[in-house]
């Protein structure tokens, strides 16, 4: 992995070790890579960005077909893949990934504290754990090694969040640390795979669910700055919160909370580009009570603080 500051050409090598502490221009923290007896590889990462910066992976996780998971327990980052696609990593968005090509980058905003869990294994190892066969739903990850770049997002279950948190818990230490980590990593990967394979991505939605989804989606688009809560929206649609999120994953490839956040930030950008209102006013209009939270989310999405967007509009 490398750390790259905003000035072009500044690259610093970083090798992941067993709980190694590191400090590079722009970021400091701890990273750990554990190769487990089950064939899984566990990544635990905890760091803070002192400034806007980018962490770049210098090589793929494996040199053969594989699958991995990415989940932020805390904080957010923007992930840019070598094929030019971009994805947000947040506590509301877990990812299944396979990138055979070097150069995956994670963009961090100043002040962002990120606590990250990743579990990966080769497809051969996964096949052994699953009794010799891989689920048909994993087809996007089964390409030949060398040119596959695949990412699939899903809404993390409460169980997945608990398992991720357990991998950072104090009890993950001591004489039997390796056994504890092994068990938790296996459970984490199995949970995220089941969440993905059991999702309704290929199901035809019942007409009433599709209509309920469209009504909720239109309400968010029409007024993203309104007080919007997932429980209230689910109740309005006559759905459970988990089913509402499944529908948004099915139709929008994002959770309901991510969709709301995206609509709010898109509206904020449009308002700032008019130059008619200061940042504080725009933040309030799109539903943010704290300007600092708004600025952090805006910068993570658009790569610049809202004040810069506004200044550009005022100087045109």
Protein backbone atom coordinates (compact mmCIF):
# COMPACT_ATOMS: atom_id res chain seq x y z
CA UNK A 1 0.00 0.00 0.00
CA UNK A 2 1.16 3.54 -0.64
CA UNK A 3 0.06 6.91 0.67
CA UNK A 4 -0.25 9.71 -1.84
CA UNK A 5 -0.75 13.36 -0.88
CA UNK A 6 -2.55 15.85 -3.06
CA UNK A 7 0.68 17.24 -4.59
CA UNK A 8 1.27 14.96 -7.63
CA UNK A 9 4.21 12.60 -7.55
CA UNK A 10 4.52 12.31 -3.75
CA UNK A 11 4.30 8.58 -3.04
CA UNK A 12 5.33 6.75 0.15
CA UNK A 13 5.59 2.96 0.38
CA UNK A 14 3.86 1.16 3.24
CA UNK A 15 4.02 -2.57 3.92
CA UNK A 16 1.25 -4.03 6.04
CA UNK A 17 2.53 -5.94 9.07
CA UNK A 18 1.30 -7.58 12.24
CA UNK A 19 -0.28 -4.64 14.00
CA UNK A 20 2.33 -2.23 12.66
CA UNK A 21 1.88 1.42 13.56
CA UNK A 22 2.53 3.89 10.79
CA UNK A 23 2.62 7.61 10.17
CA UNK A 24 2.81 9.06 6.68
CA UNK A 25 2.14 12.51 5.30
CA UNK A 26 -1.61 12.83 5.60
CA UNK A 27 -2.46 9.74 7.65
CA UNK A 28 -1.47 7.93 10.83
CA UNK A 29 -2.74 4.78 12.49
CA UNK A 30 -2.42 1.00 12.62
CA UNK A 31 -2.85 -1.70 9.99
CA UNK A 32 -2.81 -5.45 10.47
CA UNK A 33 -2.88 -8.29 7.95
CA UNK A 34 -3.41 -11.77 9.40
CA UNK A 35 -3.14 -14.95 7.33
CA UNK A 36 -5.41 -17.47 9.06
CA UNK A 37 -5.17 -21.27 9.11
CA UNK A 38 -8.54 -21.54 7.35
CA UNK A 39 -7.08 -19.86 4.26
CA UNK A 40 -8.71 -16.51 4.99
CA UNK A 41 -6.82 -13.22 5.19
CA UNK A 42 -8.06 -10.69 7.75
CA UNK A 43 -7.38 -6.97 7.51
CA UNK A 44 -7.90 -4.67 10.49
CA UNK A 45 -7.23 -1.00 9.80
CA UNK A 46 -7.61 1.96 12.15
CA UNK A 47 -6.35 5.37 11.04
CA UNK A 48 -7.01 9.10 11.00
CA UNK A 49 -6.49 11.45 8.07
CA UNK A 50 -4.67 14.63 9.05
CA UNK A 51 -5.39 16.14 5.65
CA UNK A 52 -7.06 15.27 2.36
CA UNK A 53 -5.04 12.33 1.04
CA UNK A 54 -5.16 9.05 -0.86
CA UNK A 55 -4.09 5.54 0.13
CA UNK A 56 -3.20 3.37 -2.83
CA UNK A 57 -2.93 -0.42 -2.86
CA UNK A 58 0.24 -1.49 -4.63
CA UNK A 59 -0.84 -5.07 -5.47
CA UNK A 60 -3.91 -7.35 -5.52
CA UNK A 61 -4.71 -9.43 -2.45
CA UNK A 62 -4.07 -12.74 -4.27
CA UNK A 63 -2.51 -13.89 -7.51
CA UNK A 64 -5.43 -16.20 -8.39
CA UNK A 65 -9.25 -15.85 -8.47
CA UNK A 66 -10.51 -14.56 -5.11
CA UNK A 67 -13.24 -12.65 -3.32
CA UNK A 68 -13.04 -10.18 -0.46
CA UNK A 69 -15.11 -7.87 1.70
CA UNK A 70 -14.75 -4.24 2.72
CA UNK A 71 -16.64 -2.68 5.62
CA UNK A 72 -16.06 0.53 7.59
CA UNK A 73 -17.29 0.26 11.17
CA UNK A 74 -16.55 3.96 11.49
CA UNK A 75 -15.85 6.75 9.04
CA UNK A 76 -16.11 6.90 5.26
CA UNK A 77 -13.84 6.90 2.27
CA UNK A 78 -14.13 7.07 -1.49
CA UNK A 79 -12.81 4.02 -3.35
CA UNK A 80 -11.50 4.45 -6.89
CA UNK A 81 -10.82 1.29 -8.90
CA UNK A 82 -8.32 0.80 -11.73
CA UNK A 83 -11.18 0.52 -14.24
CA UNK A 84 -12.24 4.10 -13.44
CA UNK A 85 -15.29 3.27 -11.31
CA UNK A 86 -15.90 4.92 -7.93
CA UNK A 87 -17.64 3.66 -4.79
CA UNK A 88 -18.35 5.06 -1.34
CA UNK A 89 -17.42 2.95 1.70
CA UNK A 90 -19.47 3.84 4.79
CA UNK A 91 -20.97 2.10 7.84
CA UNK A 92 -24.21 1.87 5.80
CA UNK A 93 -22.55 0.20 2.80
CA UNK A 94 -20.60 -3.06 2.86
CA UNK A 95 -18.81 -4.22 -0.30
CA UNK A 96 -17.91 -7.54 -1.86
CA UNK A 97 -14.91 -7.00 -4.11
CA UNK A 98 -12.42 -8.59 -6.44
CA UNK A 99 -9.79 -6.46 -8.15
CA UNK A 100 -7.03 -8.33 -9.98
CA UNK A 101 -5.37 -5.10 -11.13
CA UNK A 102 -3.08 -2.94 -8.99
CA UNK A 103 -3.98 0.65 -8.23
CA UNK A 104 -7.13 0.64 -6.07
CA UNK A 105 -7.22 3.93 -4.14
CA UNK A 106 -9.06 5.10 -1.02
CA UNK A 107 -9.60 8.87 -0.81
CA UNK A 108 -9.81 10.31 2.70
CA UNK A 109 -10.99 13.69 3.89
CA UNK A 110 -9.16 15.67 6.54
CA UNK A 111 -10.14 14.68 10.07
CA UNK A 112 -11.79 11.41 9.00
CA UNK A 113 -11.33 8.56 11.48
CA UNK A 114 -11.69 5.21 9.74
CA UNK A 115 -12.02 1.81 11.37
CA UNK A 116 -12.06 -0.88 8.71
CA UNK A 117 -12.51 -4.66 8.50
CA UNK A 118 -11.75 -6.76 5.44
CA UNK A 119 -11.82 -10.55 5.02
CA UNK A 120 -10.74 -12.25 1.81
CA UNK A 121 -9.91 -15.69 0.45
CA UNK A 122 -9.27 -17.43 -2.85
CA UNK A 123 -12.22 -18.97 -4.64
CA UNK A 124 -10.58 -22.36 -4.19
CA UNK A 125 -10.59 -21.91 -0.41
CA UNK A 126 -14.18 -20.63 -0.45
CA UNK A 127 -15.27 -23.61 -2.56
CA UNK A 128 -13.75 -25.97 0.00
CA UNK A 129 -15.57 -24.21 2.85
CA UNK A 130 -18.87 -24.46 0.94
CA UNK A 131 -18.60 -28.17 0.23
CA UNK A 132 -17.25 -28.04 -3.31
CA UNK A 133 -19.65 -25.64 -5.06
CA UNK A 134 -19.97 -21.86 -5.32
CA UNK A 135 -23.39 -20.13 -5.35
CA UNK A 136 -24.65 -19.00 -8.75
CA UNK A 137 -25.07 -15.48 -7.32
CA UNK A 138 -21.27 -15.17 -7.18
CA UNK A 139 -20.95 -15.39 -10.97
CA UNK A 140 -19.63 -11.78 -11.30
CA UNK A 141 -16.60 -12.81 -9.19
CA UNK A 142 -15.76 -16.02 -11.05
CA UNK A 143 -13.86 -14.63 -14.07
CA UNK A 144 -10.38 -15.77 -14.99
CA UNK A 145 -7.57 -14.16 -13.07
CA UNK A 146 -5.90 -11.07 -14.48
CA UNK A 147 -8.60 -8.70 -15.67
CA UNK A 148 -11.55 -9.04 -13.29
CA UNK A 149 -12.67 -5.89 -11.45
CA UNK A 150 -15.96 -6.43 -9.63
CA UNK A 151 -17.68 -4.62 -6.76
CA UNK A 152 -21.10 -5.32 -5.30
CA UNK A 153 -22.65 -3.24 -2.50
CA UNK A 154 -25.11 -4.38 0.13
CA UNK A 155 -26.75 -3.00 3.23
CA UNK A 156 -24.99 -4.50 6.27
CA UNK A 157 -27.15 -6.51 8.64
CA UNK A 158 -27.08 -5.93 12.37
CA UNK A 159 -25.32 -9.28 12.71
CA UNK A 160 -22.59 -8.17 10.30
CA UNK A 161 -22.03 -4.98 12.30
CA UNK A 162 -21.72 -7.00 15.51
CA UNK A 163 -19.20 -9.38 13.97
CA UNK A 164 -17.13 -6.49 12.58
CA UNK A 165 -17.10 -4.79 15.97
CA UNK A 166 -16.06 -8.04 17.65
CA UNK A 167 -12.93 -8.14 15.50
CA UNK A 168 -11.81 -4.93 17.21
CA UNK A 169 -12.98 -5.89 20.71
CA UNK A 170 -10.60 -6.22 23.63
CA UNK A 171 -11.25 -9.97 23.86
CA UNK A 172 -9.53 -10.42 20.47
CA UNK A 173 -6.27 -10.71 22.42
CA UNK A 174 -4.59 -13.23 24.70
CA UNK A 175 -3.42 -16.83 24.40
CA UNK A 176 -6.24 -17.93 22.07
CA UNK A 177 -6.25 -14.72 20.02
CA UNK A 178 -5.66 -16.57 16.75
CA UNK A 179 -8.56 -18.93 17.36
CA UNK A 180 -10.87 -16.06 18.25
CA UNK A 181 -9.90 -14.08 15.17
CA UNK A 182 -10.27 -17.18 12.98
CA UNK A 183 -13.79 -17.83 14.17
CA UNK A 184 -14.91 -14.21 13.93
CA UNK A 185 -13.40 -13.81 10.44
CA UNK A 186 -15.17 -16.95 9.17
CA UNK A 187 -18.47 -15.76 10.61
CA UNK A 188 -17.99 -12.27 9.14
CA UNK A 189 -17.29 -13.55 5.62
CA UNK A 190 -20.14 -16.08 5.78
CA UNK A 191 -22.57 -13.35 6.92
CA UNK A 192 -21.65 -10.93 4.14
CA UNK A 193 -21.81 -13.70 1.51
CA UNK A 194 -25.23 -14.82 2.73
CA UNK A 195 -26.48 -11.22 2.79
CA UNK A 196 -25.38 -10.85 -0.83
CA UNK A 197 -26.54 -14.23 -2.14
CA UNK A 198 -29.94 -13.95 -0.43
CA UNK A 199 -30.60 -10.40 -1.67
CA UNK A 200 -33.50 -9.86 -4.10
CA UNK A 201 -31.19 -8.66 -6.88
CA UNK A 202 -32.65 -11.06 -9.45
CA UNK A 203 -36.24 -11.23 -8.18
CA UNK A 204 -39.16 -9.59 -9.92
CA UNK A 205 -40.76 -7.29 -7.34
CA UNK A 206 -44.44 -7.63 -6.48
CA UNK A 207 -46.40 -4.74 -7.98
CA UNK A 208 -47.37 -3.30 -4.60
CA UNK A 209 -43.74 -3.28 -3.39
CA UNK A 210 -42.56 -1.60 -6.57
CA UNK A 211 -45.27 1.07 -6.17
CA UNK A 212 -44.37 1.57 -2.50
CA UNK A 213 -40.72 1.97 -3.43
CA UNK A 214 -41.49 4.52 -6.16
CA UNK A 215 -43.62 6.58 -3.78
CA UNK A 216 -40.85 6.70 -1.16
CA UNK A 217 -38.19 7.41 -3.75
CA UNK A 218 -40.22 10.27 -5.28
CA UNK A 219 -40.85 11.77 -1.83
CA UNK A 220 -37.10 11.83 -1.16
CA UNK A 221 -36.26 13.30 -4.57
CA UNK A 222 -38.96 15.97 -4.29
CA UNK A 223 -37.76 17.23 -0.89
CA UNK A 224 -34.46 15.67 0.27
CA UNK A 225 -34.03 18.37 2.90
CA UNK A 226 -37.17 17.32 4.77
CA UNK A 227 -36.84 15.40 8.06
CA UNK A 228 -36.48 11.85 6.74
CA UNK A 229 -35.99 8.80 8.93
CA UNK A 230 -35.78 5.20 7.76
CA UNK A 231 -38.32 3.94 10.36
CA UNK A 232 -40.85 6.61 9.34
CA UNK A 233 -40.36 5.95 5.61
CA UNK A 234 -40.66 2.18 6.11
CA UNK A 235 -43.85 2.64 8.14
CA UNK A 236 -45.26 4.92 5.45
CA UNK A 237 -44.57 2.26 2.81
CA UNK A 238 -45.93 -0.58 4.93
CA UNK A 239 -42.54 -2.32 4.91
CA UNK A 240 -39.96 -3.36 7.45
CA UNK A 241 -36.78 -1.25 7.58
CA UNK A 242 -34.68 -4.15 6.27
CA UNK A 243 -37.06 -4.74 3.35
CA UNK A 244 -37.06 -1.04 2.46
CA UNK A 245 -33.26 -1.13 2.34
CA UNK A 246 -33.37 -4.29 0.21
CA UNK A 247 -35.63 -2.52 -2.28
CA UNK A 248 -33.26 0.43 -2.50
CA UNK A 249 -30.34 -1.96 -3.00
CA UNK A 250 -32.35 -3.74 -5.69
CA UNK A 251 -33.40 -0.59 -7.56
CA UNK A 252 -30.70 1.99 -6.75
CA UNK A 253 -27.70 -0.16 -5.69
CA UNK A 254 -27.64 1.90 -2.48
CA UNK A 255 -29.28 1.70 0.91
CA UNK A 256 -32.14 4.09 1.63
CA UNK A 257 -29.89 6.18 3.89
CA UNK A 258 -27.25 6.43 1.16
CA UNK A 259 -29.89 7.46 -1.37
CA UNK A 260 -31.15 10.22 0.94
CA UNK A 261 -27.59 11.42 1.55
CA UNK A 262 -26.83 11.42 -2.17
CA UNK A 263 -29.97 13.40 -3.03
CA UNK A 264 -29.22 15.94 -0.29
CA UNK A 265 -25.65 16.44 -1.46
CA UNK A 266 -26.66 16.69 -5.11
CA UNK A 267 -29.21 19.35 -4.19
CA UNK A 268 -26.58 21.13 -2.10
CA UNK A 269 -24.22 21.24 -5.07
CA UNK A 270 -26.95 22.73 -7.26
CA UNK A 271 -27.71 25.39 -4.64
CA UNK A 272 -24.05 26.28 -4.13
CA UNK A 273 -23.48 26.57 -7.87
CA UNK A 274 -26.09 29.33 -8.03
CA UNK A 275 -24.04 31.41 -5.55
CA UNK A 276 -27.24 32.62 -3.90
CA UNK A 277 -26.70 31.35 -0.34
CA UNK A 278 -23.79 30.78 2.07
CA UNK A 279 -22.68 27.29 3.03
CA UNK A 280 -24.45 27.37 6.40
CA UNK A 281 -27.78 28.19 4.80
CA UNK A 282 -27.36 25.51 2.12
CA UNK A 283 -26.49 22.91 4.76
CA UNK A 284 -29.70 23.69 6.66
CA UNK A 285 -31.81 23.61 3.50
CA UNK A 286 -30.68 20.09 2.63
CA UNK A 287 -31.23 18.69 6.11
CA UNK A 288 -27.85 19.02 7.85
CA UNK A 289 -27.96 20.46 11.36
CA UNK A 290 -24.18 20.79 11.65
CA UNK A 291 -22.08 22.52 9.00
CA UNK A 292 -19.02 20.41 9.88
CA UNK A 293 -20.91 17.17 9.12
CA UNK A 294 -22.22 18.67 5.89
CA UNK A 295 -18.76 19.83 4.79
CA UNK A 296 -17.23 16.43 5.49
CA UNK A 297 -19.92 14.57 3.55
CA UNK A 298 -19.80 17.05 0.68
CA UNK A 299 -16.02 16.80 0.36
CA UNK A 300 -16.16 12.99 0.44
CA UNK A 301 -18.67 12.98 -2.44
CA UNK A 302 -17.35 15.77 -4.67
CA UNK A 303 -13.67 15.95 -3.77
CA UNK A 304 -13.76 19.56 -2.59
CA UNK A 305 -15.25 21.50 0.35
CA UNK A 306 -18.57 23.28 -0.27
CA UNK A 307 -16.92 26.65 0.27
CA UNK A 308 -14.77 26.07 -2.80
CA UNK A 309 -17.82 25.26 -4.94
CA UNK A 310 -19.45 28.47 -3.71
CA UNK A 311 -16.33 30.60 -4.36
CA UNK A 312 -16.11 29.27 -7.89
CA UNK A 313 -19.75 30.19 -8.48
CA UNK A 314 -19.22 33.71 -7.12
CA UNK A 315 -16.20 34.38 -9.32
CA UNK A 316 -17.84 33.31 -12.57
